[in-house]
Amino acid sequence: MIGKLIGQKYMTIAKSWVPTMTFWGTTGGVALVYFTDWRVILDYVPYINGKFKKDE
């Protein structure tokens, strides 16, 4: 259905860009976690969240 909407040529071009966009998206996500407060973001990951319990 999308191929009919945008055309076969552009669908082929978009498919060739998927690995590149996946790589840069993953790199951007890792950079976001690295340059921000990693604890705030990783508190939402269940396995990692249990490792860093705060002593209150």
PDB file of N, CA and C in Angstrom:
ATOM      1  N   MET A   1       0.825  -1.186   0.000  1.00  0.00           N
ATOM      2  CA  MET A   1       0.000   0.000   0.000  1.00  0.00           C
ATOM      3  C   MET A   1       0.879   1.265   0.000  1.00  0.00           C
ATOM      4  N   ILE A   2       1.916   1.265   0.810  1.00  0.00           N
ATOM      5  CA  ILE A   2       2.797   2.431   0.838  1.00  0.00           C
ATOM      6  C   ILE A   2       3.532   2.563  -0.486  1.00  0.00           C
ATOM      7  N   GLY A   3       3.861   1.412  -1.090  1.00  0.00           N
ATOM      8  CA  GLY A   3       4.540   1.441  -2.382  1.00  0.00           C
ATOM      9  C   GLY A   3       3.714   2.130  -3.458  1.00  0.00           C
ATOM     10  N   LYS A   4       2.407   1.956  -3.420  1.00  0.00           N
ATOM     11  CA  LYS A   4       1.537   2.628  -4.379  1.00  0.00           C
ATOM     12  C   LYS A   4       1.439   4.120  -4.090  1.00  0.00           C
ATOM     13  N   LEU A   5       1.547   4.480  -2.826  1.00  0.00           N
ATOM     14  CA  LEU A   5       1.405   5.879  -2.440  1.00  0.00           C
ATOM     15  C   LEU A   5       2.640   6.700  -2.813  1.00  0.00           C
ATOM     16  N   ILE A   6       3.825   6.180  -2.526  1.00  0.00           N
ATOM     17  CA  ILE A   6       5.041   6.954  -2.800  1.00  0.00           C
ATOM     18  C   ILE A   6       5.800   6.471  -4.029  1.00  0.00           C
ATOM     19  N   GLY A   7       5.485   5.324  -4.510  1.00  0.00           N
ATOM     20  CA  GLY A   7       6.138   4.821  -5.712  1.00  0.00           C
ATOM     21  C   GLY A   7       7.210   3.789  -5.408  1.00  0.00           C
ATOM     22  N   GLN A   8       7.421   2.889  -6.346  1.00  0.00           N
ATOM     23  CA  GLN A   8       8.361   1.780  -6.171  1.00  0.00           C
ATOM     24  C   GLN A   8       9.807   2.270  -6.079  1.00  0.00           C
ATOM     25  N   LYS A   9      10.140   3.297  -6.843  1.00  0.00           N
ATOM     26  CA  LYS A   9      11.506   3.822  -6.838  1.00  0.00           C
ATOM     27  C   LYS A   9      11.879   4.333  -5.451  1.00  0.00           C
ATOM     28  N   TYR A  10      10.999   5.119  -4.849  1.00  0.00           N
ATOM     29  CA  TYR A  10      11.294   5.681  -3.533  1.00  0.00           C
ATOM     30  C   TYR A  10      11.222   4.633  -2.431  1.00  0.00           C
ATOM     31  N   MET A  11      10.435   3.613  -2.642  1.00  0.00           N
ATOM     32  CA  MET A  11      10.377   2.507  -1.678  1.00  0.00           C
ATOM     33  C   MET A  11      11.719   1.769  -1.659  1.00  0.00           C
ATOM     34  N   THR A  12      12.319   1.561  -2.804  1.00  0.00           N
ATOM     35  CA  THR A  12      13.626   0.916  -2.890  1.00  0.00           C
ATOM     36  C   THR A  12      14.704   1.773  -2.235  1.00  0.00           C
ATOM     37  N   ILE A  13      14.641   3.078  -2.464  1.00  0.00           N
ATOM     38  CA  ILE A  13      15.607   3.984  -1.837  1.00  0.00           C
ATOM     39  C   ILE A  13      15.445   3.950  -0.315  1.00  0.00           C
ATOM     40  N   ALA A  14      14.218   3.967   0.161  1.00  0.00           N
ATOM     41  CA  ALA A  14      13.965   3.942   1.606  1.00  0.00           C
ATOM     42  C   ALA A  14      14.480   2.644   2.232  1.00  0.00           C
ATOM     43  N   LYS A  15      14.304   1.518   1.543  1.00  0.00           N
ATOM     44  CA  LYS A  15      14.791   0.231   2.056  1.00  0.00           C
ATOM     45  C   LYS A  15      16.316   0.205   2.146  1.00  0.00           C
ATOM     46  N   SER A  16      16.978   0.896   1.241  1.00  0.00           N
ATOM     47  CA  SER A  16      18.440   0.907   1.286  1.00  0.00           C
ATOM     48  C   SER A  16      18.953   1.774   2.443  1.00  0.00           C
ATOM     49  N   TRP A  17      18.162   2.717   2.929  1.00  0.00           N
ATOM     50  CA  TRP A  17      18.571   3.592   4.023  1.00  0.00           C
ATOM     51  C   TRP A  17      18.257   3.027   5.405  1.00  0.00           C
ATOM     52  N   VAL A  18      17.501   1.948   5.499  1.00  0.00           N
ATOM     53  CA  VAL A  18      17.114   1.396   6.804  1.00  0.00           C
ATOM     54  C   VAL A  18      18.324   1.018   7.664  1.00  0.00           C
ATOM     55  N   PRO A  19      19.331   0.302   7.166  1.00  0.00           N
ATOM     56  CA  PRO A  19      20.477  -0.019   8.031  1.00  0.00           C
ATOM     57  C   PRO A  19      21.227   1.223   8.519  1.00  0.00           C
ATOM     58  N   THR A  20      21.364   2.214   7.660  1.00  0.00           N
ATOM     59  CA  THR A  20      22.060   3.439   8.043  1.00  0.00           C
ATOM     60  C   THR A  20      21.293   4.180   9.126  1.00  0.00           C
ATOM     61  N   MET A  21      19.992   4.314   8.967  1.00  0.00           N
ATOM     62  CA  MET A  21      19.174   5.014   9.958  1.00  0.00           C
ATOM     63  C   MET A  21      19.116   4.233  11.281  1.00  0.00           C
ATOM     64  N   THR A  22      19.149   2.915  11.198  1.00  0.00           N
ATOM     65  CA  THR A  22      19.182   2.106  12.417  1.00  0.00           C
ATOM     66  C   THR A  22      20.482   2.341  13.174  1.00  0.00           C
ATOM     67  N   PHE A  23      21.584   2.369  12.458  1.00  0.00           N
ATOM     68  CA  PHE A  23      22.890   2.612  13.074  1.00  0.00           C
ATOM     69  C   PHE A  23      22.939   3.978  13.744  1.00  0.00           C
ATOM     70  N   TRP A  24      22.535   5.029  13.023  1.00  0.00           N
ATOM     71  CA  TRP A  24      22.603   6.377  13.581  1.00  0.00           C
ATOM     72  C   TRP A  24      21.587   6.583  14.699  1.00  0.00           C
ATOM     73  N   GLY A  25      20.458   5.923  14.619  1.00  0.00           N
ATOM     74  CA  GLY A  25      19.479   6.009  15.700  1.00  0.00           C
ATOM     75  C   GLY A  25      19.993   5.366  16.978  1.00  0.00           C
ATOM     76  N   THR A  26      20.638   4.210  16.837  1.00  0.00           N
ATOM     77  CA  THR A  26      21.226   3.542  17.991  1.00  0.00           C
ATOM     78  C   THR A  26      22.374   4.366  18.567  1.00  0.00           C
ATOM     79  N   THR A  27      23.193   4.920  17.700  1.00  0.00           N
ATOM     80  CA  THR A  27      24.301   5.768  18.151  1.00  0.00           C
ATOM     81  C   THR A  27      23.770   6.994  18.889  1.00  0.00           C
ATOM     82  N   GLY A  28      22.734   7.597  18.376  1.00  0.00           N
ATOM     83  CA  GLY A  28      22.135   8.752  19.038  1.00  0.00           C
ATOM     84  C   GLY A  28      21.532   8.394  20.388  1.00  0.00           C
ATOM     85  N   GLY A  29      20.900   7.226  20.473  1.00  0.00           N
ATOM     86  CA  GLY A  29      20.335   6.786  21.746  1.00  0.00           C
ATOM     87  C   GLY A  29      21.398   6.542  22.797  1.00  0.00           C
ATOM     88  N   VAL A  30      22.481   5.912  22.402  1.00  0.00           N
ATOM     89  CA  VAL A  30      23.590   5.669  23.328  1.00  0.00           C
ATOM     90  C   VAL A  30      24.223   6.987  23.749  1.00  0.00           C
ATOM     91  N   ALA A  31      24.387   7.917  22.819  1.00  0.00           N
ATOM     92  CA  ALA A  31      24.949   9.226  23.158  1.00  0.00           C
ATOM     93  C   ALA A  31      24.032   9.986  24.111  1.00  0.00           C
ATOM     94  N   LEU A  32      22.728   9.868  23.927  1.00  0.00           N
ATOM     95  CA  LEU A  32      21.779  10.522  24.824  1.00  0.00           C
ATOM     96  C   LEU A  32      21.924  10.001  26.250  1.00  0.00           C
ATOM     97  N   VAL A  33      22.025   8.683  26.390  1.00  0.00           N
ATOM     98  CA  VAL A  33      22.200   8.095  27.717  1.00  0.00           C
ATOM     99  C   VAL A  33      23.551   8.486  28.293  1.00  0.00           C
ATOM    100  N   TYR A  34      24.581   8.552  27.488  1.00  0.00           N
ATOM    101  CA  TYR A  34      25.922   8.873  27.958  1.00  0.00           C
ATOM    102  C   TYR A  34      26.035  10.322  28.440  1.00  0.00           C
ATOM    103  N   PHE A  35      25.469  11.245  27.674  1.00  0.00           N
ATOM    104  CA  PHE A  35      25.637  12.658  27.994  1.00  0.00           C
ATOM    105  C   PHE A  35      24.590  13.204  28.961  1.00  0.00           C
ATOM    106  N   THR A  36      23.546  12.447  29.240  1.00  0.00           N
ATOM    107  CA  THR A  36      22.561  12.884  30.223  1.00  0.00           C
ATOM    108  C   THR A  36      22.791  12.110  31.511  1.00  0.00           C
ATOM    109  N   ASP A  37      21.934  12.344  32.471  1.00  0.00           N
ATOM    110  CA  ASP A  37      22.024  11.617  33.725  1.00  0.00           C
ATOM    111  C   ASP A  37      21.583  10.180  33.459  1.00  0.00           C
ATOM    112  N   TRP A  38      22.524   9.266  33.297  1.00  0.00           N
ATOM    113  CA  TRP A  38      22.232   7.890  32.892  1.00  0.00           C
ATOM    114  C   TRP A  38      21.316   7.192  33.885  1.00  0.00           C
ATOM    115  N   ARG A  39      21.364   7.575  35.143  1.00  0.00           N
ATOM    116  CA  ARG A  39      20.544   6.931  36.164  1.00  0.00           C
ATOM    117  C   ARG A  39      19.060   7.180  35.921  1.00  0.00           C
ATOM    118  N   VAL A  40      18.700   8.387  35.482  1.00  0.00           N
ATOM    119  CA  VAL A  40      17.305   8.727  35.225  1.00  0.00           C
ATOM    120  C   VAL A  40      16.740   7.858  34.110  1.00  0.00           C
ATOM    121  N   ILE A  41      17.506   7.658  33.056  1.00  0.00           N
ATOM    122  CA  ILE A  41      17.033   6.880  31.912  1.00  0.00           C
ATOM    123  C   ILE A  41      17.039   5.389  32.229  1.00  0.00           C
ATOM    124  N   LEU A  42      18.102   4.887  32.856  1.00  0.00           N
ATOM    125  CA  LEU A  42      18.214   3.455  33.104  1.00  0.00           C
ATOM    126  C   LEU A  42      17.351   2.974  34.267  1.00  0.00           C
ATOM    127  N   ASP A  43      16.738   3.869  35.011  1.00  0.00           N
ATOM    128  CA  ASP A  43      15.790   3.454  36.049  1.00  0.00           C
ATOM    129  C   ASP A  43      14.555   2.796  35.443  1.00  0.00           C
ATOM    130  N   TYR A  44      14.299   3.013  34.164  1.00  0.00           N
ATOM    131  CA  TYR A  44      13.151   2.401  33.500  1.00  0.00           C
ATOM    132  C   TYR A  44      13.448   1.011  32.941  1.00  0.00           C
ATOM    133  N   VAL A  45      14.700   0.583  32.952  1.00  0.00           N
ATOM    134  CA  VAL A  45      15.075  -0.751  32.493  1.00  0.00           C
ATOM    135  C   VAL A  45      14.955  -1.691  33.693  1.00  0.00           C
ATOM    136  N   PRO A  46      14.075  -2.694  33.639  1.00  0.00           N
ATOM    137  CA  PRO A  46      13.787  -3.501  34.824  1.00  0.00           C
ATOM    138  C   PRO A  46      15.000  -4.189  35.446  1.00  0.00           C
ATOM    139  N   TYR A  47      15.845  -4.827  34.681  1.00  0.00           N
ATOM    140  CA  TYR A  47      16.980  -5.571  35.238  1.00  0.00           C
ATOM    141  C   TYR A  47      17.983  -4.636  35.902  1.00  0.00           C
ATOM    142  N   ILE A  48      18.274  -3.527  35.250  1.00  0.00           N
ATOM    143  CA  ILE A  48      19.254  -2.587  35.773  1.00  0.00           C
ATOM    144  C   ILE A  48      18.683  -1.809  36.958  1.00  0.00           C
ATOM    145  N   ASN A  49      17.386  -1.574  36.941  1.00  0.00           N
ATOM    146  CA  ASN A  49      16.749  -0.821  38.011  1.00  0.00           C
ATOM    147  C   ASN A  49      16.940  -1.504  39.374  1.00  0.00           C
ATOM    148  N   GLY A  50      16.918  -2.824  39.428  1.00  0.00           N
ATOM    149  CA  GLY A  50      17.080  -3.538  40.685  1.00  0.00           C
ATOM    150  C   GLY A  50      18.495  -3.498  41.235  1.00  0.00           C
ATOM    151  N   LYS A  51      19.477  -3.223  40.412  1.00  0.00           N
ATOM    152  CA  LYS A  51      20.877  -3.207  40.844  1.00  0.00           C
ATOM    153  C   LYS A  51      21.227  -1.938  41.611  1.00  0.00           C
ATOM    154  N   PHE A  52      20.509  -0.866  41.386  1.00  0.00           N
ATOM    155  CA  PHE A  52      20.868   0.420  41.951  1.00  0.00           C
ATOM    156  C   PHE A  52      19.814   0.912  42.940  1.00  0.00           C
ATOM    157  N   LYS A  53      19.500   0.118  43.928  1.00  0.00           N
ATOM    158  CA  LYS A  53      18.537   0.534  44.954  1.00  0.00           C
ATOM    159  C   LYS A  53      19.179   1.595  45.832  1.00  0.00           C
ATOM    160  N   LYS A  54      18.395   2.606  46.157  1.00  0.00           N
ATOM    161  CA  LYS A  54      18.896   3.665  47.026  1.00  0.00           C
ATOM    162  C   LYS A  54      18.700   3.260  48.485  1.00  0.00           C
ATOM    163  N   ASP A  55      19.713   3.487  49.292  1.00  0.00           N
ATOM    164  CA  ASP A  55      19.608   3.236  50.739  1.00  0.00           C
ATOM    165  C   ASP A  55      18.979   4.451  51.392  1.00  0.00           C
ATOM    166  N   GLU A  56      17.751   4.265  51.859  1.00  0.00           N
ATOM    167  CA  GLU A  56      17.068   5.410  52.476  1.00  0.00           C
ATOM    168  C   GLU A  56      16.851   5.179  53.933  1.00  0.00           C
TER     169      GLU A  56
END
